[in-house]
N, C-alpha and C. Protein backbone atom coordinates (compact mmCIF):
# COMPACT_ATOMS: atom_id res chain seq x y z
N UNK A 1 -46.53 -47.81 8.78
CA UNK A 1 -48.51 -47.91 8.32
C UNK A 1 -48.63 -47.89 9.48
N UNK A 2 -49.69 -47.32 10.38
CA UNK A 2 -50.36 -46.90 11.49
C UNK A 2 -51.01 -48.51 11.31
N UNK A 3 -50.92 -48.76 12.57
CA UNK A 3 -51.40 -50.34 12.59
C UNK A 3 -52.81 -50.00 12.68
N UNK A 4 -53.99 -50.84 12.38
CA UNK A 4 -55.26 -50.50 12.56
C UNK A 4 -55.84 -51.16 14.74
N UNK A 5 -56.49 -50.21 15.06
CA UNK A 5 -57.24 -50.90 16.08
C UNK A 5 -58.55 -50.90 16.15
N UNK A 6 -58.94 -51.66 16.64
CA UNK A 6 -60.41 -52.98 16.41
C UNK A 6 -61.77 -51.03 17.03
N UNK A 7 -63.05 -51.41 16.75
CA UNK A 7 -63.01 -50.53 17.38
C UNK A 7 -64.35 -50.64 18.42
N UNK A 8 -63.97 -52.18 19.16
CA UNK A 8 -64.13 -52.01 20.34
C UNK A 8 -63.71 -51.87 21.02
N UNK A 9 -61.65 -51.71 20.55
CA UNK A 9 -60.81 -51.68 20.93
C UNK A 9 -60.78 -49.72 21.17
N UNK A 10 -61.36 -48.87 19.91
CA UNK A 10 -61.17 -47.61 20.24
C UNK A 10 -62.20 -47.43 21.52
N UNK A 11 -63.37 -47.86 21.71
CA UNK A 11 -64.32 -47.67 22.55
C UNK A 11 -64.06 -46.82 23.53
N UNK A 12 -63.01 -48.12 24.22
CA UNK A 12 -62.61 -48.74 25.33
C UNK A 12 -61.01 -48.05 25.73
N UNK A 13 -60.90 -47.15 25.10
CA UNK A 13 -59.59 -46.33 25.50
C UNK A 13 -60.23 -45.36 26.22
N UNK A 14 -60.78 -44.10 25.15
CA UNK A 14 -61.13 -43.66 26.37
C UNK A 14 -61.55 -43.19 28.21
N UNK A 15 -62.12 -44.25 28.16
CA UNK A 15 -62.26 -45.76 29.52
C UNK A 15 -60.99 -45.53 30.08
N UNK A 16 -59.80 -46.00 29.41
CA UNK A 16 -58.41 -45.94 30.07
C UNK A 16 -57.81 -44.60 30.38
N UNK A 17 -58.46 -44.02 29.93
CA UNK A 17 -57.87 -42.75 29.86
C UNK A 17 -58.69 -42.35 31.12
N UNK A 18 -59.44 -42.43 30.98
CA UNK A 18 -60.13 -41.85 32.35
C UNK A 18 -60.22 -41.53 33.86
N UNK A 19 -59.20 -43.06 33.28
CA UNK A 19 -59.09 -43.82 34.59
C UNK A 19 -57.79 -43.64 34.90
N UNK A 20 -56.61 -43.23 34.06
CA UNK A 20 -55.23 -42.84 34.07
C UNK A 20 -55.66 -42.38 34.52
N UNK A 21 -56.07 -40.70 33.52
CA UNK A 21 -56.41 -38.94 34.85
C UNK A 21 -56.54 -39.17 36.06
N UNK A 22 -56.92 -40.18 36.58
CA UNK A 22 -57.44 -39.87 38.45
C UNK A 22 -55.87 -40.59 38.44
N UNK A 23 -54.70 -41.46 38.06
CA UNK A 23 -53.42 -41.67 38.27
C UNK A 23 -52.28 -41.00 38.26
N UNK A 24 -53.19 -39.79 37.39
CA UNK A 24 -51.92 -38.81 37.18
C UNK A 24 -50.48 -38.42 38.13
N UNK A 25 -49.21 -38.57 37.26
CA UNK A 25 -48.90 -38.70 38.76
C UNK A 25 -48.27 -39.94 40.04
N UNK A 26 -48.38 -40.11 39.66
CA UNK A 26 -48.45 -41.99 40.35
C UNK A 26 -47.28 -42.93 40.31
N UNK A 27 -47.27 -42.71 39.30
CA UNK A 27 -45.75 -43.32 38.90
C UNK A 27 -45.96 -44.37 37.48
N UNK A 28 -46.45 -45.48 38.42
CA UNK A 28 -46.72 -46.67 37.87
C UNK A 28 -48.59 -47.19 38.27
N UNK A 29 -48.54 -48.19 36.54
CA UNK A 29 -50.13 -48.76 37.28
C UNK A 29 -49.94 -50.39 36.46
N UNK A 30 -50.81 -51.28 37.60
CA UNK A 30 -50.62 -52.57 36.69
C UNK A 30 -52.19 -52.78 35.58
N UNK A 31 -52.31 -53.49 35.14
CA UNK A 31 -52.52 -53.88 34.08
C UNK A 31 -54.43 -54.33 34.73
N UNK A 32 -53.98 -55.66 36.31
CA UNK A 32 -54.65 -55.22 36.26
C UNK A 32 -55.29 -54.36 37.47
N UNK A 33 -54.06 -53.50 37.57
CA UNK A 33 -55.18 -52.01 38.59
C UNK A 33 -55.79 -51.36 37.79
N UNK A 34 -55.19 -51.21 36.52
CA UNK A 34 -56.27 -50.90 34.82
C UNK A 34 -58.20 -51.30 34.85
N UNK A 35 -57.15 -52.64 35.37
CA UNK A 35 -59.04 -53.84 34.61
C UNK A 35 -59.82 -53.18 35.77
N UNK A 36 -59.40 -53.07 36.40
CA UNK A 36 -60.47 -53.27 37.78
C UNK A 36 -60.72 -51.94 38.03
N UNK A 37 -60.03 -50.70 38.23
CA UNK A 37 -60.27 -49.00 37.91
C UNK A 37 -61.90 -49.68 36.73
N UNK A 38 -61.16 -49.56 34.99
CA UNK A 38 -62.09 -50.14 34.04
C UNK A 38 -63.88 -50.64 33.81
N UNK A 39 -63.18 -51.69 35.14
CA UNK A 39 -64.44 -52.85 34.53
C UNK A 39 -64.53 -53.51 33.62
N UNK A 40 -63.56 -53.89 33.51
CA UNK A 40 -63.25 -55.44 32.23
C UNK A 40 -62.24 -56.49 32.84
N UNK A 41 -61.40 -56.98 32.05
CA UNK A 41 -60.61 -58.29 32.86
C UNK A 41 -59.20 -57.98 32.44
N UNK A 42 -58.38 -57.73 32.91
CA UNK A 42 -56.36 -57.39 32.86
C UNK A 42 -55.90 -57.57 32.28
N UNK A 43 -56.33 -58.82 31.21
CA UNK A 43 -55.60 -59.57 29.72
C UNK A 43 -56.96 -58.77 28.50
N UNK A 44 -57.81 -58.31 28.84
CA UNK A 44 -58.39 -57.24 27.06
C UNK A 44 -57.58 -56.00 27.63
N UNK A 45 -57.02 -55.75 28.87
CA UNK A 45 -56.81 -54.07 29.10
C UNK A 45 -55.06 -54.63 28.33
N UNK A 46 -53.73 -55.64 28.37
CA UNK A 46 -52.69 -56.04 27.69
C UNK A 46 -53.53 -56.15 26.07
N UNK A 47 -54.44 -56.68 26.15
CA UNK A 47 -54.03 -56.59 23.97
C UNK A 47 -54.77 -55.62 23.73
N UNK A 48 -56.17 -54.49 24.61
CA UNK A 48 -56.07 -52.99 24.01
C UNK A 48 -54.54 -52.83 23.68
N UNK A 49 -54.32 -51.80 24.84
CA UNK A 49 -52.48 -51.47 24.71
C UNK A 49 -51.05 -51.55 23.36
N UNK A 50 -51.90 -53.51 24.13
CA UNK A 50 -51.03 -54.12 22.89
C UNK A 50 -51.21 -53.40 21.68
N UNK A 51 -52.14 -53.62 21.00
CA UNK A 51 -52.50 -52.38 18.92
C UNK A 51 -51.47 -51.25 19.68
N UNK A 52 -51.32 -50.53 20.85
CA UNK A 52 -51.07 -48.81 20.89
C UNK A 52 -49.56 -49.20 20.54
N UNK A 53 -49.10 -50.41 21.25
CA UNK A 53 -47.27 -51.08 20.78
C UNK A 53 -46.72 -50.06 22.10
N UNK A 54 -47.62 -50.22 22.98
CA UNK A 54 -47.84 -50.09 24.95
C UNK A 54 -47.81 -51.38 25.58
N UNK A 55 -46.46 -51.39 26.07
CA UNK A 55 -46.15 -53.07 26.97
C UNK A 55 -45.74 -52.77 28.22
N UNK A 56 -45.93 -53.44 28.75
CA UNK A 56 -45.62 -52.68 30.05
C UNK A 56 -44.31 -53.62 31.25
N UNK A 57 -43.71 -53.42 32.37
CA UNK A 57 -42.76 -54.19 32.84
C UNK A 57 -43.11 -55.24 33.36
N UNK A 58 -42.86 -56.49 33.70
CA UNK A 58 -43.54 -57.45 34.24
C UNK A 58 -42.49 -57.08 36.07
N UNK A 59 -43.74 -56.87 35.94
CA UNK A 59 -43.72 -56.91 37.61
C UNK A 59 -43.90 -55.14 38.42
N UNK A 60 -43.98 -54.57 37.04
CA UNK A 60 -43.47 -52.45 37.63
C UNK A 60 -45.25 -52.11 36.81
N UNK A 61 -45.87 -52.43 35.85
CA UNK A 61 -46.72 -52.52 35.13
C UNK A 61 -46.68 -50.85 34.44
N UNK A 62 -47.04 -50.15 33.64
CA UNK A 62 -46.91 -49.45 32.72
C UNK A 62 -46.63 -47.92 33.44
N UNK A 63 -45.77 -47.25 32.81
CA UNK A 63 -45.40 -45.53 33.18
C UNK A 63 -47.35 -45.11 33.21
N UNK A 64 -47.87 -44.12 34.47
CA UNK A 64 -49.30 -43.43 34.22
C UNK A 64 -49.11 -42.82 32.76
N UNK A 65 -47.90 -42.05 33.13
CA UNK A 65 -48.05 -40.27 32.42
C UNK A 65 -47.77 -40.79 30.78
N UNK A 66 -47.04 -41.63 29.87
CA UNK A 66 -46.78 -42.26 28.82
C UNK A 66 -47.64 -42.91 28.28
N UNK A 67 -48.91 -43.62 29.28
CA UNK A 67 -49.30 -44.17 28.88
C UNK A 67 -50.46 -43.55 28.17
N UNK A 68 -50.82 -42.50 29.16
CA UNK A 68 -51.22 -41.72 29.22
C UNK A 68 -51.68 -40.65 27.38
N UNK A 69 -50.10 -40.11 27.17
CA UNK A 69 -49.90 -39.75 26.37
C UNK A 69 -50.24 -40.98 25.12
N UNK A 70 -50.32 -41.58 24.76
CA UNK A 70 -49.80 -43.10 24.00
C UNK A 70 -51.12 -43.40 23.77
N UNK A 71 -51.83 -42.61 24.46
CA UNK A 71 -53.62 -42.81 24.48
C UNK A 71 -53.95 -41.69 23.63
N UNK A 72 -53.94 -41.02 23.71
CA UNK A 72 -54.55 -40.07 23.73
C UNK A 72 -53.61 -39.18 21.84
N UNK A 73 -52.14 -39.59 21.86
CA UNK A 73 -51.67 -40.06 20.80
C UNK A 73 -52.40 -40.80 19.26
N UNK A 74 -52.93 -42.54 19.64
CA UNK A 74 -53.84 -42.89 19.24
C UNK A 74 -55.41 -43.11 19.29
N UNK A 75 -56.03 -41.20 20.09
CA UNK A 75 -57.55 -40.78 19.88
C UNK A 75 -57.03 -40.24 18.39
N UNK A 76 -55.85 -39.62 18.66
CA UNK A 76 -55.92 -38.23 17.53
C UNK A 76 -56.30 -37.19 18.29
N UNK A 77 -56.30 -37.01 19.97
CA UNK A 77 -56.44 -35.70 20.40
C UNK A 77 -54.43 -35.67 20.98
N UNK A 78 -54.45 -35.02 19.82
CA UNK A 78 -53.27 -34.11 20.12
C UNK A 78 -52.98 -32.58 19.20
N UNK A 79 -54.01 -32.38 19.59
CA UNK A 79 -54.64 -31.15 18.84
C UNK A 79 -56.00 -30.50 19.31
N UNK A 80 -56.70 -29.32 19.65
CA UNK A 80 -57.46 -29.37 20.43
C UNK A 80 -58.80 -28.99 18.52
N UNK A 81 -59.37 -29.24 19.29
CA UNK A 81 -60.54 -29.77 17.72
C UNK A 81 -62.07 -29.26 18.49
N UNK A 82 -61.86 -27.94 16.61
CA UNK A 82 -62.99 -26.75 17.14
C UNK A 82 -64.62 -27.65 17.33
N UNK A 83 -65.80 -27.32 17.61
CA UNK A 83 -66.71 -28.03 17.73
C UNK A 83 -68.10 -26.98 18.35
N UNK A 84 -68.63 -27.35 17.09
CA UNK A 84 -70.10 -26.13 16.82
C UNK A 84 -71.72 -26.83 17.75
N UNK A 85 -72.24 -26.43 18.42
CA UNK A 85 -73.48 -26.35 19.11
C UNK A 85 -74.46 -26.42 18.16
N UNK A 86 -75.50 -27.48 17.37
CA UNK A 86 -76.62 -26.62 16.91
C UNK A 86 -77.62 -26.74 18.10
N UNK A 87 -78.56 -25.52 18.78
CA UNK A 87 -79.59 -25.70 19.53
C UNK A 87 -78.75 -25.32 20.63
N UNK A 88 -79.92 -23.97 20.82
CA UNK A 88 -78.93 -24.25 21.86
C UNK A 88 -80.64 -23.80 23.33
N UNK A 89 -81.11 -24.54 23.15
CA UNK A 89 -82.05 -25.19 24.17
C UNK A 89 -81.89 -25.98 25.56
N UNK A 90 -82.32 -26.49 25.78
CA UNK A 90 -81.19 -27.26 27.58
C UNK A 90 -81.17 -27.74 27.29
N UNK A 91 -80.69 -28.93 26.09
CA UNK A 91 -80.25 -29.66 26.10
C UNK A 91 -78.10 -28.91 25.86
N UNK A 92 -78.19 -28.56 24.55
CA UNK A 92 -77.59 -27.28 24.26
C UNK A 92 -77.13 -26.60 25.02
N UNK A 93 -77.79 -25.70 26.19
CA UNK A 93 -77.48 -25.30 27.33
C UNK A 93 -76.22 -26.04 27.82
N UNK A 94 -76.79 -27.13 28.50
CA UNK A 94 -75.96 -28.11 28.97
C UNK A 94 -74.36 -28.95 28.68
N UNK A 95 -74.76 -28.76 27.66
CA UNK A 95 -73.22 -29.15 26.73
C UNK A 95 -72.25 -27.91 26.92
N UNK A 96 -73.00 -26.89 26.51
CA UNK A 96 -72.24 -26.26 26.01
C UNK A 96 -71.35 -25.96 27.58
N UNK A 97 -71.94 -25.91 29.50
CA UNK A 97 -70.90 -25.27 29.79
C UNK A 97 -70.67 -27.38 31.17
N UNK A 98 -70.33 -28.07 29.82
CA UNK A 98 -70.05 -29.44 30.85
C UNK A 98 -68.27 -28.59 29.86
N UNK A 99 -67.89 -28.84 30.90
CA UNK A 99 -66.40 -28.45 31.23
C UNK A 99 -65.23 -28.71 30.31
N UNK A 100 -65.66 -30.52 30.58
CA UNK A 100 -64.77 -31.38 30.37
C UNK A 100 -64.47 -31.77 28.56
N UNK A 101 -65.56 -31.13 27.71
CA UNK A 101 -65.00 -30.90 26.85
C UNK A 101 -63.99 -29.90 26.72
N UNK A 102 -63.22 -28.94 27.23
CA UNK A 102 -61.45 -28.36 26.89
C UNK A 102 -61.26 -28.94 27.80
N UNK A 103 -60.98 -29.54 28.89
CA UNK A 103 -60.43 -30.43 29.56
C UNK A 103 -59.94 -32.49 28.90
N UNK A 104 -60.27 -32.20 27.93
CA UNK A 104 -60.28 -33.51 26.75
C UNK A 104 -59.61 -32.71 25.14
N UNK A 105 -59.26 -31.21 24.84
CA UNK A 105 -58.98 -30.14 24.35
C UNK A 105 -60.08 -30.69 23.42
N UNK A 106 -61.32 -30.21 23.34
CA UNK A 106 -62.85 -30.05 22.52
C UNK A 106 -63.19 -28.37 22.94
N UNK A 107 -63.45 -27.31 22.11
CA UNK A 107 -63.09 -26.69 22.05
C UNK A 107 -64.83 -25.72 21.31
N UNK A 108 -65.46 -25.23 22.35
CA UNK A 108 -66.87 -25.04 21.87
C UNK A 108 -66.28 -23.47 20.98
N UNK A 109 -66.68 -23.49 19.95
CA UNK A 109 -65.97 -22.12 19.35
C UNK A 109 -67.43 -21.75 18.66
N UNK A 110 -68.88 -22.64 17.86
CA UNK A 110 -69.74 -21.82 18.12
C UNK A 110 -71.33 -23.01 18.91
N UNK A 111 -72.21 -22.02 18.46
CA UNK A 111 -73.20 -22.13 19.41
C UNK A 111 -74.61 -21.52 18.31
N UNK A 112 -74.84 -22.29 17.38
CA UNK A 112 -76.27 -21.94 16.61
C UNK A 112 -77.71 -22.35 17.21
N UNK A 113 -78.61 -21.62 16.73
CA UNK A 113 -80.39 -21.24 16.85
C UNK A 113 -80.55 -21.39 15.69
N UNK A 114 -82.08 -21.72 15.53
CA UNK A 114 -82.99 -20.25 14.53
C UNK A 114 -84.04 -20.11 15.67
N UNK A 115 -83.45 -19.73 16.98
CA UNK A 115 -84.77 -19.53 17.35
C UNK A 115 -84.50 -17.64 17.76
N UNK A 116 -84.65 -16.67 16.96
CA UNK A 116 -84.59 -15.50 17.47
C UNK A 116 -84.43 -14.99 18.94
N UNK A 117 -85.73 -15.73 20.28
CA UNK A 117 -84.74 -15.36 21.23
C UNK A 117 -84.11 -15.79 21.82
N UNK A 118 -83.49 -16.68 21.50
CA UNK A 118 -82.20 -17.42 21.83
C UNK A 118 -80.82 -16.91 20.97
N UNK A 119 -80.46 -16.58 20.19
CA UNK A 119 -79.87 -15.84 19.23
C UNK A 119 -79.34 -14.46 19.73
N UNK A 120 -77.85 -13.87 20.11
CA UNK A 120 -77.38 -13.05 20.54
C UNK A 120 -77.47 -13.28 22.32
N UNK A 121 -77.69 -14.52 23.01
CA UNK A 121 -78.08 -14.32 24.62
C UNK A 121 -76.09 -15.21 24.38
N UNK A 122 -75.10 -15.28 25.49
CA UNK A 122 -74.40 -16.32 25.16
C UNK A 122 -74.39 -17.65 26.36
N UNK A 123 -73.83 -18.55 26.56
CA UNK A 123 -73.81 -19.25 27.20
C UNK A 123 -72.67 -19.93 27.35
N UNK A 124 -71.99 -19.29 28.83
CA UNK A 124 -71.14 -20.18 29.37
C UNK A 124 -69.92 -18.85 28.05
N UNK A 125 -69.95 -18.30 28.79
CA UNK A 125 -69.09 -16.20 27.27
C UNK A 125 -69.59 -17.08 26.14
N UNK A 126 -69.89 -18.50 25.27
CA UNK A 126 -70.34 -18.07 24.00
C UNK A 126 -71.24 -18.01 23.19
N UNK A 127 -70.94 -16.61 22.27
CA UNK A 127 -72.78 -15.59 21.80
C UNK A 127 -73.48 -17.41 20.99
N UNK A 128 -74.25 -17.59 21.38
CA UNK A 128 -75.54 -17.84 20.27
C UNK A 128 -76.00 -17.01 18.76
N UNK A 129 -75.35 -17.52 18.27
CA UNK A 129 -75.25 -17.28 16.40
C UNK A 129 -76.91 -17.82 15.71
N UNK A 130 -77.14 -17.29 14.92
CA UNK A 130 -78.29 -17.82 13.93
C UNK A 130 -77.21 -18.42 12.80
N UNK A 131 -78.37 -20.07 12.27
CA UNK A 131 -78.16 -20.54 12.12
C UNK A 131 -77.52 -20.44 9.96
N UNK A 132 -78.58 -19.26 9.87
CA UNK A 132 -77.65 -18.68 8.40
C UNK A 132 -76.14 -18.38 8.28
N UNK A 133 -75.66 -18.24 9.58
CA UNK A 133 -74.49 -18.06 8.94
C UNK A 133 -73.67 -19.02 9.62
N UNK A 134 -73.98 -19.59 9.44
CA UNK A 134 -73.56 -21.34 10.04
C UNK A 134 -72.58 -21.50 8.74
N UNK A 135 -72.47 -22.01 7.56
CA UNK A 135 -71.84 -22.71 6.35
C UNK A 135 -70.36 -21.27 6.15
N UNK A 136 -70.57 -19.34 6.84
CA UNK A 136 -69.58 -18.87 7.31
C UNK A 136 -69.02 -19.27 8.37
N UNK A 137 -69.78 -19.06 9.31
CA UNK A 137 -68.87 -20.01 10.95
C UNK A 137 -67.56 -21.05 10.56
N UNK A 138 -68.25 -21.96 10.02
CA UNK A 138 -67.98 -23.20 9.88
C UNK A 138 -66.37 -22.65 9.54
N UNK A 139 -66.32 -22.42 7.83
CA UNK A 139 -65.12 -22.45 6.99
C UNK A 139 -63.79 -21.14 8.00
N UNK A 140 -64.50 -19.83 8.48
CA UNK A 140 -64.24 -19.71 9.39
C UNK A 140 -63.20 -19.53 10.50
N UNK A 141 -64.45 -20.84 11.42
CA UNK A 141 -63.44 -20.95 12.78
C UNK A 141 -62.55 -22.45 12.15
N UNK A 142 -62.93 -23.53 11.56
CA UNK A 142 -61.83 -24.15 11.04
C UNK A 142 -62.32 -25.10 12.23
N UNK A 143 -64.33 -25.86 11.88
CA UNK A 143 -65.34 -26.32 13.09
C UNK A 143 -64.59 -27.84 12.34
N UNK A 144 -64.16 -29.08 13.49
CA UNK A 144 -64.06 -30.09 12.28
C UNK A 144 -65.19 -31.00 13.30
N UNK A 145 -65.89 -30.88 14.39
CA UNK A 145 -66.73 -31.61 14.86
C UNK A 145 -68.59 -31.08 14.60
N UNK A 146 -69.27 -32.33 14.44
CA UNK A 146 -70.68 -31.21 15.77
C UNK A 146 -71.67 -31.36 15.84
N UNK A 147 -71.84 -30.49 16.93
CA UNK A 147 -73.27 -31.65 17.68
C UNK A 147 -74.47 -31.40 17.16
N UNK A 148 -75.73 -31.82 17.31
CA UNK A 148 -76.48 -31.74 17.05
C UNK A 148 -77.49 -31.95 18.60
N UNK A 149 -77.99 -31.29 19.05
CA UNK A 149 -78.70 -31.21 20.15
C UNK A 149 -80.21 -29.74 19.70
N UNK A 150 -80.96 -30.46 18.82
CA UNK A 150 -82.12 -29.75 18.20
C UNK A 150 -83.00 -31.05 18.14
N UNK A 151 -84.72 -30.48 17.93
CA UNK A 151 -85.79 -31.05 18.17
C UNK A 151 -85.31 -32.59 17.57
N UNK A 152 -86.24 -33.27 17.46
CA UNK A 152 -85.60 -34.40 16.30
C UNK A 152 -86.26 -34.07 15.51
N UNK A 153 -87.65 -34.11 14.62
CA UNK A 153 -87.71 -33.69 13.71
C UNK A 153 -86.81 -31.99 12.71
N UNK A 154 -85.58 -31.87 12.84
CA UNK A 154 -84.68 -30.53 13.18
C UNK A 154 -83.35 -31.53 12.90
N UNK A 155 -83.21 -32.47 13.41
CA UNK A 155 -82.02 -33.21 12.48
C UNK A 155 -80.85 -33.74 11.90
N UNK A 156 -81.97 -33.77 11.33
CA UNK A 156 -81.80 -34.87 9.62
C UNK A 156 -81.34 -33.26 8.22
N UNK A 157 -82.20 -32.26 8.28
CA UNK A 157 -82.02 -31.39 7.83
C UNK A 157 -79.75 -30.78 8.77
N UNK A 158 -80.59 -30.85 9.52
CA UNK A 158 -79.17 -29.82 10.20
C UNK A 158 -78.10 -30.90 9.95
N UNK A 159 -77.93 -32.36 10.16
CA UNK A 159 -77.07 -33.14 9.35
C UNK A 159 -76.64 -32.81 8.48
N UNK A 160 -77.39 -33.02 7.17
CA UNK A 160 -76.84 -33.08 6.03
C UNK A 160 -76.24 -31.33 5.87
N UNK A 161 -77.06 -30.09 6.90
CA UNK A 161 -76.04 -29.29 6.19
C UNK A 161 -74.67 -28.85 7.14
N UNK A 162 -74.27 -29.83 8.01
CA UNK A 162 -72.60 -29.72 8.61
C UNK A 162 -72.54 -30.70 7.55
N UNK A 163 -73.12 -32.41 7.06
CA UNK A 163 -71.74 -32.69 6.06
C UNK A 163 -71.69 -32.05 4.47
N UNK A 164 -72.16 -31.31 4.40
CA UNK A 164 -72.97 -30.16 2.99
C UNK A 164 -71.81 -29.38 3.67
N UNK A 165 -70.96 -28.77 5.08
CA UNK A 165 -70.11 -27.59 4.97
C UNK A 165 -68.39 -28.31 5.03
N UNK A 166 -68.98 -30.19 5.56
CA UNK A 166 -67.73 -30.26 5.65
C UNK A 166 -66.98 -31.05 6.40
N UNK A 167 -68.32 -30.40 7.35
CA UNK A 167 -68.39 -31.35 8.71
C UNK A 167 -68.41 -32.91 8.48
N UNK A 168 -66.47 -34.02 8.83
CA UNK A 168 -67.15 -35.19 8.43
C UNK A 168 -67.59 -35.88 10.16
N UNK A 169 -67.46 -35.45 11.26
CA UNK A 169 -67.51 -36.23 12.35
C UNK A 169 -68.96 -35.73 13.62
N UNK A 170 -69.37 -36.15 13.51
CA UNK A 170 -71.17 -35.94 14.02
C UNK A 170 -72.07 -36.69 14.90
N UNK A 171 -71.68 -35.67 16.08
CA UNK A 171 -72.67 -36.83 17.47
C UNK A 171 -73.85 -35.85 17.48
N UNK A 172 -75.11 -37.18 17.64
CA UNK A 172 -76.32 -36.27 17.70
C UNK A 172 -76.64 -36.64 18.70
N UNK A 173 -77.54 -35.44 18.98
CA UNK A 173 -78.58 -35.79 20.92
C UNK A 173 -78.91 -35.99 20.46
N UNK A 174 -79.86 -35.60 19.20
CA UNK A 174 -81.39 -35.83 18.44
C UNK A 174 -81.83 -36.90 18.93
N UNK A 175 -83.16 -37.44 19.48
CA UNK A 175 -83.71 -38.59 19.79
C UNK A 175 -84.46 -39.10 18.37
N UNK A 176 -83.84 -39.52 17.33
CA UNK A 176 -84.00 -39.21 16.45
C UNK A 176 -83.19 -40.27 15.11
N UNK A 177 -83.27 -41.06 14.25
CA UNK A 177 -82.04 -41.72 13.67
C UNK A 177 -81.43 -40.51 12.03
N UNK A 178 -80.59 -40.35 12.68
CA UNK A 178 -79.70 -39.65 11.35
C UNK A 178 -79.64 -40.17 9.63
N UNK A 179 -79.26 -39.95 8.63
CA UNK A 179 -78.92 -41.27 7.52
C UNK A 179 -77.41 -40.26 6.28
N UNK A 180 -76.83 -39.69 6.66
CA UNK A 180 -76.26 -38.86 5.86
C UNK A 180 -74.50 -40.01 5.26
N UNK A 181 -74.26 -39.72 4.04
CA UNK A 181 -73.14 -40.49 3.79
C UNK A 181 -71.68 -39.16 4.53
N UNK A 182 -70.24 -39.83 4.21
CA UNK A 182 -69.49 -39.73 3.79
C UNK A 182 -68.94 -38.87 4.99
N UNK A 183 -69.52 -39.37 5.89
CA UNK A 183 -69.92 -38.52 7.82
C UNK A 183 -69.95 -40.22 8.89
N UNK A 184 -68.99 -39.41 9.97
CA UNK A 184 -68.67 -40.56 11.16
C UNK A 184 -69.96 -40.35 12.22
N UNK A 185 -71.24 -40.53 11.79
CA UNK A 185 -72.15 -40.67 13.46
C UNK A 185 -71.67 -41.35 14.23
N UNK A 186 -71.90 -40.29 15.71
CA UNK A 186 -71.92 -41.84 16.74
C UNK A 186 -73.93 -40.87 17.29
N UNK A 187 -74.30 -41.62 18.18
CA UNK A 187 -75.46 -40.90 18.50
C UNK A 187 -75.73 -41.86 19.89
N UNK A 188 -75.85 -40.40 20.76
CA UNK A 188 -75.92 -40.58 22.18
C UNK A 188 -77.60 -40.63 22.78
N UNK A 189 -78.32 -42.29 22.94
CA UNK A 189 -79.74 -41.21 22.94
C UNK A 189 -79.85 -41.32 24.28
N UNK A 190 -80.87 -41.25 25.23
CA UNK A 190 -80.46 -40.75 26.67
C UNK A 190 -81.89 -41.69 26.56
N UNK A 191 -82.83 -42.17 26.09
CA UNK A 191 -84.22 -42.21 25.97
C UNK A 191 -83.93 -43.92 26.04
N UNK A 192 -83.30 -44.29 24.98
CA UNK A 192 -83.15 -45.65 24.87
C UNK A 192 -81.46 -46.24 25.76
N UNK A 193 -80.86 -45.09 26.54
CA UNK A 193 -80.24 -45.66 27.49
C UNK A 193 -81.11 -46.29 28.85
N UNK A 194 -82.32 -45.05 29.40
CA UNK A 194 -83.03 -45.13 29.93
C UNK A 194 -84.23 -46.28 29.85
N UNK A 195 -84.26 -46.72 28.43
CA UNK A 195 -84.76 -47.67 27.92
C UNK A 195 -84.08 -49.56 28.22
N UNK A 196 -82.79 -49.00 28.28
CA UNK A 196 -82.61 -50.86 29.00
C UNK A 196 -81.99 -50.50 30.12
N UNK A 197 -82.03 -48.85 30.59
CA UNK A 197 -81.77 -49.79 32.34
C UNK A 197 -83.10 -50.40 32.60
N UNK A 198 -84.75 -49.35 32.73
CA UNK A 198 -85.24 -49.78 32.37
C UNK A 198 -85.61 -51.93 32.26
N UNK A 199 -84.87 -52.28 31.56
CA UNK A 199 -85.10 -53.51 31.02
C UNK A 199 -84.94 -54.13 32.28
N UNK A 200 -83.59 -54.27 32.61
CA UNK A 200 -82.36 -54.47 33.73
C UNK A 200 -82.87 -54.20 35.17
N UNK A 201 -83.71 -53.54 35.15
CA UNK A 201 -84.16 -52.81 36.92
C UNK A 201 -85.28 -54.70 36.58
N UNK A 202 -86.27 -54.59 35.85
CA UNK A 202 -87.67 -55.60 35.69
C UNK A 202 -86.63 -57.12 35.21
N UNK A 203 -85.81 -57.06 35.02
CA UNK A 203 -84.62 -58.04 35.15
C UNK A 203 -84.88 -59.05 36.10
N UNK A 204 -84.31 -58.13 37.57
CA UNK A 204 -83.04 -58.43 38.54
C UNK A 204 -84.54 -58.09 40.01
N UNK A 205 -85.86 -57.36 39.79
CA UNK A 205 -86.03 -57.93 39.93
C UNK A 205 -88.01 -58.88 39.57
N UNK A 206 -87.03 -59.35 38.69
CA UNK A 206 -88.65 -61.06 38.14
C UNK A 206 -87.15 -61.89 38.79
N UNK A 207 -85.56 -62.07 39.18
CA UNK A 207 -84.52 -63.00 39.85
C UNK A 207 -84.89 -62.71 40.85
N UNK A 208 -85.53 -62.20 41.84
CA UNK A 208 -85.78 -61.59 42.86
C UNK A 208 -86.99 -61.88 43.63
N UNK A 209 -88.14 -62.01 42.47
CA UNK A 209 -89.74 -63.16 42.82
C UNK A 209 -88.85 -63.91 42.36
N UNK A 210 -88.05 -64.70 42.25
CA UNK A 210 -88.00 -66.13 42.07
C UNK A 210 -87.54 -66.71 43.41
């Protein structure tokens, strides 16, 4: 039976994977080295990796390439994931142009929009197609992940269509809360992140003033 990995650990695994990618082909790395690069403590690294069954050799550390593969396997990055981007505005275009997706096994299988002026154009070689073809494209191209890059008022109905079409993993960039059943929804709220940064700037300014 596959061992359950805590959500907090799952959230750190992609960070470890990026850190290890910078060390690819270098042989080994210690938990201290990985912790320093990832911004956590070494004990946390060892605990997280123990959920994968990965245990370094005392005095040597972890084999970098082997550990990368173990983390990829734990995250399910063992095959390519076809992705649909809904919304071909500025944000959707930026996401479609992001080369990091393909590096980690996520392929842009479709870009959809309702704007006739955008339909028929291409973004990084991918044709922008009409939302009217959505359900057909999801089935034909075995799309597994949906990215919402629409205005906030369109996000909820788009999410409902994604779920109805069988998509169970959604990444929402729209600045609003969406509610759907039987789907894992991750939210990337840029405005909220900026507000949090503003708070910390204010806190530091207050500390300096004191």
